[in-house]
Amino acid sequence: MILVTGGTGLVGAHLLYKLVSSNKEVRAIYRNEHKLSNVKSVFSCYIDNYEPLFNSIEWVEADILDIPSLSDAFIDITHVYHCAAFVSFEPDKYQLLRKTNIEGTANIVNLCISNSVEKLCYVSSVATLGSETNNKPITEKTNWNTEADNSVYAITKYGAEMEVWRGTQEGLNAVIVNPGVILGAGIWRYGTGSLFKKANKGFKHYTSGSVGLIDVEDVITIMIKLMESNINNERFVLVAENLTYKDFLQALSNSVNAEPPKKLASTFILSMGWKLDWLVHKLTGKRRQLTKHLAQSLASETFYASNKIKDALNYKFKPIDKTIISVGHQYLK
């Protein structure tokens, strides 16, 4: 039996559809029952009559930080897809990020080992990769710099990867995927789905940086292929294309029949923006919308190369322009 953590998130929900539609025996954990609607929303993007597939999943209420409930979820499990994570760039969320991403992953790894799980697939992020100079592409070999001004999210995802590598030293077979920004339909309130919602309302500005993008269906297809292969104890960068934010936001706007942004938000504006956002947070307690690291990311040109996964699986990514059009169409529906 297959276990999926984070099944109510974008990657997890699309992965669940792919697995159960292939007649796999699947168990998935959830923390909040109301988030199960995310999975139904994602399933509905594929087929109208999704209830039989949704009901074929064995749902278990559990938390990756609660060992007893998590232990029950591991009974008779042979393969694990660990998609659960907490995503935030807010510095004051550091302890929660550490607990969820690092301690939670350690719990998953420990239970995989104690239950003799055959293989683990961990969904990490390109945030854990190092940086390159002179526009050199970032790959799996790019070294993580512990002295760099890394975001709290990147630090905790890197720590989670260390737990997976520790597991491999204790006999666990594992693969790690490092996706860029993942685009997919079905969840519109937060995550990348909310970008289509924002595009529909209209973006006023674009930034000078670039972003690595990938279709969620590419991510889950690669994950399954890696789990069914003889490849073990390897990591893979998953970025289909690198786009400037100007081109990306223009494509988003076009996909939902909205006007694209025409004004550049300079690095000075972004710098003032995150500082003002910090002040508002301190005065009102409102959640951060623009942190220092996010502002830096929006203005940075980074290029990712995915040659390793292309060669390993002879894989060809979906064109990102078609992905954006398809997801935009689903949003308008």
Protein backbone atom coordinates (compact mmCIF):
# COMPACT_ATOMS: atom_id res chain seq x y z
CA MET A 1 0.00 0.00 0.00
CA ILE A 2 1.10 3.57 -0.77
CA LEU A 3 1.02 6.36 1.82
CA VAL A 4 0.74 10.02 0.78
CA THR A 5 1.36 12.86 3.22
CA GLY A 6 0.17 16.35 2.34
CA GLY A 7 -2.62 14.87 0.26
CA THR A 8 -4.79 17.97 0.57
CA GLY A 9 -2.13 20.21 -1.02
CA LEU A 10 -1.59 20.87 -4.72
CA VAL A 11 1.06 18.20 -5.37
CA GLY A 12 -0.53 15.68 -3.02
CA ALA A 13 -4.03 16.02 -4.47
CA HIS A 14 -2.87 15.68 -8.08
CA LEU A 15 -0.67 12.75 -7.06
CA LEU A 16 -3.62 11.03 -5.38
CA TYR A 17 -5.69 11.32 -8.55
CA LYS A 18 -2.89 9.86 -10.66
CA LEU A 19 -2.39 6.95 -8.25
CA VAL A 20 -6.03 5.94 -7.71
CA SER A 21 -6.89 6.36 -11.38
CA SER A 22 -4.15 3.78 -11.99
CA ASN A 23 -5.87 1.42 -9.52
CA LYS A 24 -3.20 1.80 -6.85
CA GLU A 25 -4.07 1.01 -3.25
CA VAL A 26 -3.61 4.34 -1.48
CA ARG A 27 -3.82 5.70 2.04
CA ALA A 28 -3.61 9.45 2.67
CA ILE A 29 -3.37 11.44 5.87
CA TYR A 30 -5.16 14.68 6.58
CA ARG A 31 -5.25 17.12 9.50
CA ASN A 32 -8.28 19.27 8.70
CA GLU A 33 -11.42 17.64 7.32
CA HIS A 34 -12.52 20.83 5.53
CA LYS A 35 -9.35 20.66 3.40
CA LEU A 36 -10.58 17.44 1.83
CA SER A 37 -12.59 19.74 -0.44
CA ASN A 38 -9.26 20.69 -2.05
CA VAL A 39 -8.83 17.11 -3.22
CA LYS A 40 -12.35 16.97 -4.65
CA SER A 41 -11.74 20.28 -6.43
CA VAL A 42 -8.55 18.93 -8.00
CA PHE A 43 -10.24 15.65 -8.98
CA SER A 44 -13.06 17.63 -10.64
CA CYS A 45 -10.48 19.20 -12.97
CA TYR A 46 -9.91 15.74 -14.44
CA ILE A 47 -13.35 14.12 -14.45
CA ASP A 48 -16.94 15.04 -13.56
CA ASN A 49 -17.80 11.89 -11.62
CA TYR A 50 -14.84 11.94 -9.22
CA GLU A 51 -16.58 10.57 -6.10
CA PRO A 52 -15.79 6.86 -6.72
CA LEU A 53 -12.07 7.64 -7.10
CA PHE A 54 -12.06 9.95 -4.08
CA ASN A 55 -13.85 7.31 -1.98
CA SER A 56 -11.30 4.66 -3.01
CA ILE A 57 -8.67 6.48 -0.94
CA GLU A 58 -8.24 5.28 2.64
CA TRP A 59 -8.22 8.55 4.58
CA VAL A 60 -6.57 8.64 8.00
CA GLU A 61 -6.67 11.64 10.31
CA ALA A 62 -3.08 12.12 11.43
CA ASP A 63 -0.37 14.71 11.91
CA ILE A 64 3.28 14.26 10.93
CA LEU A 65 4.15 15.71 14.37
CA ASP A 66 1.94 13.23 16.24
CA ILE A 67 3.78 9.92 16.46
CA PRO A 68 0.87 7.70 17.63
CA SER A 69 -1.53 8.72 14.85
CA LEU A 70 1.29 8.68 12.29
CA SER A 71 2.36 5.20 13.39
CA ASP A 72 -1.13 3.86 12.73
CA ALA A 73 -1.03 5.36 9.23
CA PHE A 74 2.14 3.35 8.45
CA ILE A 75 0.59 -0.09 9.00
CA ASP A 76 1.12 -2.27 5.88
CA ILE A 77 2.73 0.62 3.94
CA THR A 78 5.40 -0.22 1.33
CA HIS A 79 5.96 3.15 -0.39
CA VAL A 80 5.70 6.71 0.92
CA TYR A 81 5.29 10.02 -0.92
CA HIS A 82 6.09 12.77 1.57
CA CYS A 83 4.46 15.93 0.18
CA ALA A 84 3.47 17.60 3.46
CA ALA A 85 5.23 20.87 4.30
CA PHE A 86 4.67 24.30 5.75
CA VAL A 87 5.45 27.08 3.30
CA SER A 88 6.21 30.55 4.62
CA PHE A 89 8.91 33.18 4.18
CA GLU A 90 7.92 35.02 7.39
CA PRO A 91 10.87 35.10 9.82
CA ASP A 92 8.59 34.88 12.86
CA LYS A 93 7.29 31.52 11.58
CA TYR A 94 10.76 29.98 11.82
CA GLN A 95 10.05 27.69 14.79
CA LEU A 96 6.84 26.39 13.21
CA LEU A 97 8.70 25.85 9.93
CA ARG A 98 11.44 23.93 11.75
CA LYS A 99 8.95 21.76 13.61
CA THR A 100 6.83 20.90 10.56
CA ASN A 101 9.48 20.61 7.87
CA ILE A 102 12.43 19.18 9.79
CA GLU A 103 10.92 17.34 12.76
CA GLY A 104 7.95 16.17 10.69
CA THR A 105 10.23 14.78 8.00
CA ALA A 106 12.40 13.11 10.65
CA ASN A 107 9.28 11.35 11.95
CA ILE A 108 8.41 10.15 8.45
CA VAL A 109 11.95 8.88 7.87
CA ASN A 110 12.08 7.10 11.24
CA LEU A 111 8.75 5.34 10.62
CA CYS A 112 9.84 4.37 7.11
CA ILE A 113 12.90 2.68 8.62
CA SER A 114 11.08 1.00 11.52
CA ASN A 115 8.33 -0.28 9.18
CA SER A 116 10.79 -1.48 6.50
CA VAL A 117 9.24 0.78 3.85
CA GLU A 118 10.69 -0.08 0.44
CA LYS A 119 11.08 3.48 -0.83
CA LEU A 120 10.44 7.13 0.08
CA CYS A 121 9.95 10.06 -2.27
CA TYR A 122 10.43 13.46 -0.64
CA VAL A 123 9.16 16.67 -2.25
CA SER A 124 11.71 19.37 -1.49
CA SER A 125 12.26 22.66 -3.36
CA VAL A 126 14.75 24.54 -5.50
CA ALA A 127 15.00 26.81 -2.43
CA THR A 128 17.45 24.27 -0.95
CA LEU A 129 19.87 24.61 -3.86
CA GLY A 130 22.79 26.98 -3.74
CA SER A 131 23.31 30.00 -6.00
CA GLU A 132 25.57 30.49 -8.99
CA THR A 133 27.35 33.53 -10.44
CA ASN A 134 27.79 34.69 -14.03
CA ASN A 135 24.35 33.31 -14.98
CA LYS A 136 25.52 29.71 -14.63
CA PRO A 137 22.57 27.33 -14.32
CA ILE A 138 21.78 25.92 -10.89
CA THR A 139 21.87 22.12 -10.76
CA GLU A 140 21.90 19.29 -8.22
CA LYS A 141 25.66 19.86 -7.84
CA THR A 142 25.32 23.51 -6.82
CA ASN A 143 26.50 23.74 -3.23
CA TRP A 144 24.29 25.02 -0.43
CA ASN A 145 25.95 27.95 1.30
CA THR A 146 25.29 27.88 5.04
CA GLU A 147 26.76 31.39 5.38
CA ALA A 148 24.39 32.94 2.82
CA ASP A 149 21.36 35.01 3.80
CA ASN A 150 18.96 32.11 3.25
CA SER A 151 15.21 32.36 3.86
CA VAL A 152 13.67 30.57 6.84
CA TYR A 153 11.75 28.35 4.42
CA ALA A 154 14.92 27.35 2.55
CA ILE A 155 16.78 26.62 5.80
CA THR A 156 14.07 24.28 7.07
CA LYS A 157 13.57 22.49 3.75
CA TYR A 158 17.34 21.95 3.58
CA GLY A 159 17.20 20.56 7.12
CA ALA A 160 14.43 18.21 6.01
CA GLU A 161 16.59 16.95 3.15
CA MET A 162 19.34 16.19 5.68
CA GLU A 163 16.88 13.96 7.53
CA VAL A 164 16.15 12.06 4.32
CA TRP A 165 19.88 11.61 3.61
CA ARG A 166 20.33 10.45 7.20
CA GLY A 167 17.66 7.84 6.51
CA THR A 168 19.51 6.59 3.45
CA GLN A 169 22.58 6.04 5.64
CA GLU A 170 20.40 3.83 7.83
CA GLY A 171 19.26 1.68 4.91
CA LEU A 172 16.25 3.56 3.54
CA ASN A 173 15.88 3.84 -0.24
CA ALA A 174 14.84 7.38 -1.13
CA VAL A 175 14.63 9.94 -3.91
CA ILE A 176 14.30 13.70 -3.54
CA VAL A 177 12.72 16.03 -6.09
CA ASN A 178 13.47 19.76 -6.08
CA PRO A 179 10.69 21.45 -8.06
CA GLY A 180 10.56 25.11 -8.97
CA VAL A 181 7.27 27.01 -8.78
CA ILE A 182 4.57 24.38 -9.41
CA LEU A 183 1.55 25.34 -11.52
CA GLY A 184 -1.66 23.35 -11.42
CA ALA A 185 -5.43 23.68 -11.24
CA GLY A 186 -7.94 23.03 -8.49
CA ILE A 187 -6.78 25.01 -5.44
CA TRP A 188 -7.35 28.73 -5.90
CA ARG A 189 -7.43 30.23 -2.40
CA TYR A 190 -3.68 30.00 -1.75
CA GLY A 191 -0.46 28.78 -3.32
CA THR A 192 0.21 29.26 -7.00
CA GLY A 193 -3.50 28.86 -7.77
CA SER A 194 -4.09 32.22 -6.09
CA LEU A 195 -1.80 33.83 -8.69
CA PHE A 196 -4.46 33.19 -11.33
CA LYS A 197 -7.02 34.78 -9.02
CA LYS A 198 -4.76 37.82 -8.57
CA ALA A 199 -4.08 37.97 -12.32
CA ASN A 200 -7.82 38.01 -12.93
CA LYS A 201 -8.11 41.08 -10.71
CA GLY A 202 -5.13 42.65 -12.48
CA PHE A 203 -1.42 42.93 -11.72
CA LYS A 204 -0.14 46.51 -11.67
CA HIS A 205 3.59 45.79 -11.60
CA TYR A 206 6.13 43.22 -12.68
CA THR A 207 9.65 42.72 -11.29
CA SER A 208 13.07 42.35 -12.87
CA GLY A 209 13.79 38.80 -11.73
CA SER A 210 13.13 35.36 -13.19
CA VAL A 211 11.43 32.20 -11.97
CA GLY A 212 11.73 28.46 -12.61
CA LEU A 213 8.37 26.87 -13.43
CA ILE A 214 6.93 23.38 -13.84
CA ASP A 215 3.52 21.76 -14.43
CA VAL A 216 2.21 19.80 -11.42
CA GLU A 217 1.46 16.86 -13.74
CA ASP A 218 5.14 16.74 -14.70
CA VAL A 219 6.09 16.71 -11.02
CA ILE A 220 3.80 13.82 -10.07
CA THR A 221 4.59 11.80 -13.21
CA ILE A 222 8.31 12.07 -12.47
CA MET A 223 7.77 11.17 -8.82
CA ILE A 224 5.91 7.99 -9.75
CA LYS A 225 8.47 7.04 -12.40
CA LEU A 226 11.30 7.51 -9.91
CA MET A 227 9.51 5.42 -7.28
CA GLU A 228 8.93 2.63 -9.78
CA SER A 229 12.54 2.74 -11.02
CA ASN A 230 15.77 1.32 -9.65
CA ILE A 231 17.04 4.85 -8.95
CA ASN A 232 17.80 5.34 -5.27
CA ASN A 233 19.41 7.96 -3.06
CA GLU A 234 19.46 10.69 -5.73
CA ARG A 235 17.97 14.19 -6.00
CA PHE A 236 16.58 15.84 -9.10
CA VAL A 237 15.92 19.48 -10.04
CA LEU A 238 12.50 19.79 -11.67
CA VAL A 239 12.19 23.00 -13.69
CA ALA A 240 10.63 22.91 -17.14
CA GLU A 241 11.40 26.53 -18.10
CA ASN A 242 12.92 29.70 -16.67
CA LEU A 243 10.84 32.81 -17.39
CA THR A 244 11.27 36.45 -16.47
CA TYR A 245 8.59 37.65 -14.09
CA LYS A 246 7.43 40.07 -16.78
CA ASP A 247 6.77 37.22 -19.22
CA PHE A 248 5.29 35.02 -16.49
CA LEU A 249 2.83 37.64 -15.25
CA GLN A 250 1.90 38.55 -18.81
CA ALA A 251 1.12 34.92 -19.57
CA LEU A 252 -0.90 34.62 -16.35
CA SER A 253 -2.91 37.72 -17.25
CA ASN A 254 -3.57 36.53 -20.80
CA SER A 255 -4.75 33.14 -19.53
CA VAL A 256 -7.57 34.75 -17.54
CA ASN A 257 -8.39 37.47 -20.09
CA ALA A 258 -6.94 40.30 -18.00
CA GLU A 259 -4.65 43.23 -18.74
CA PRO A 260 -0.97 42.41 -18.15
CA PRO A 261 1.17 44.60 -15.85
CA LYS A 262 2.95 47.46 -17.58
CA LYS A 263 5.05 49.03 -14.79
CA LEU A 264 8.36 47.75 -13.43
CA ALA A 265 8.65 47.51 -9.65
CA SER A 266 12.30 48.49 -9.17
CA THR A 267 14.57 47.00 -6.51
CA PHE A 268 14.19 50.28 -4.60
CA ILE A 269 10.40 49.96 -4.60
CA LEU A 270 10.65 46.32 -3.48
CA SER A 271 13.08 47.30 -0.72
CA MET A 272 10.75 50.01 0.54
CA GLY A 273 7.82 47.63 0.15
CA TRP A 274 9.16 44.88 2.40
CA LYS A 275 10.23 47.41 5.03
CA LEU A 276 6.77 49.00 5.04
CA ASP A 277 5.23 45.53 5.19
CA TRP A 278 7.41 44.75 8.23
CA LEU A 279 6.26 47.96 9.94
CA VAL A 280 2.60 47.21 9.29
CA HIS A 281 3.10 43.71 10.68
CA LYS A 282 4.72 45.08 13.85
CA LEU A 283 2.01 47.68 14.38
CA THR A 284 -1.06 45.63 13.52
CA GLY A 285 0.00 41.99 13.74
CA LYS A 286 -1.12 41.35 10.16
CA ARG A 287 0.67 38.52 8.35
CA ARG A 288 3.61 39.46 6.20
CA GLN A 289 2.89 39.77 2.48
CA LEU A 290 6.34 40.82 1.27
CA THR A 291 9.41 39.72 3.23
CA LYS A 292 13.00 40.72 2.59
CA HIS A 293 13.88 37.33 1.05
CA LEU A 294 10.78 37.30 -1.14
CA ALA A 295 11.59 40.80 -2.40
CA GLN A 296 15.15 39.71 -3.19
CA SER A 297 13.85 36.64 -5.02
CA LEU A 298 11.49 38.73 -7.16
CA ALA A 299 14.43 40.85 -8.31
CA SER A 300 16.95 38.03 -8.81
CA GLU A 301 17.71 36.31 -12.09
CA THR A 302 18.16 32.60 -11.42
CA PHE A 303 18.34 29.81 -13.97
CA TYR A 304 17.79 26.15 -13.20
CA ALA A 305 18.83 23.17 -15.32
CA SER A 306 16.98 19.84 -15.23
CA ASN A 307 19.26 17.81 -17.49
CA LYS A 308 19.75 15.11 -14.86
CA ILE A 309 16.08 14.05 -14.75
CA LYS A 310 15.72 14.40 -18.52
CA ASP A 311 18.59 11.97 -19.00
CA ALA A 312 17.63 9.59 -16.19
CA LEU A 313 14.05 9.09 -17.39
CA ASN A 314 14.34 10.27 -20.99
CA TYR A 315 11.73 12.82 -19.94
CA LYS A 316 10.27 15.75 -21.84
CA PHE A 317 8.52 18.53 -19.91
CA LYS A 318 5.22 20.10 -20.91
CA PRO A 319 5.61 23.59 -22.41
CA ILE A 320 4.88 26.13 -19.68
CA ASP A 321 2.86 28.40 -21.97
CA LYS A 322 0.39 25.56 -22.54
CA THR A 323 0.28 24.83 -18.81
CA ILE A 324 -0.57 28.44 -17.97
CA ILE A 325 -3.29 28.55 -20.62
CA SER A 326 -4.77 25.27 -19.37
CA VAL A 327 -4.77 26.28 -15.69
CA GLY A 328 -6.16 29.71 -16.56
CA HIS A 329 -8.98 28.03 -18.45
CA GLN A 330 -9.76 25.86 -15.43
CA TYR A 331 -9.78 28.95 -13.20
CA LEU A 332 -12.28 30.75 -15.45
CA LYS A 333 -14.52 27.67 -15.37
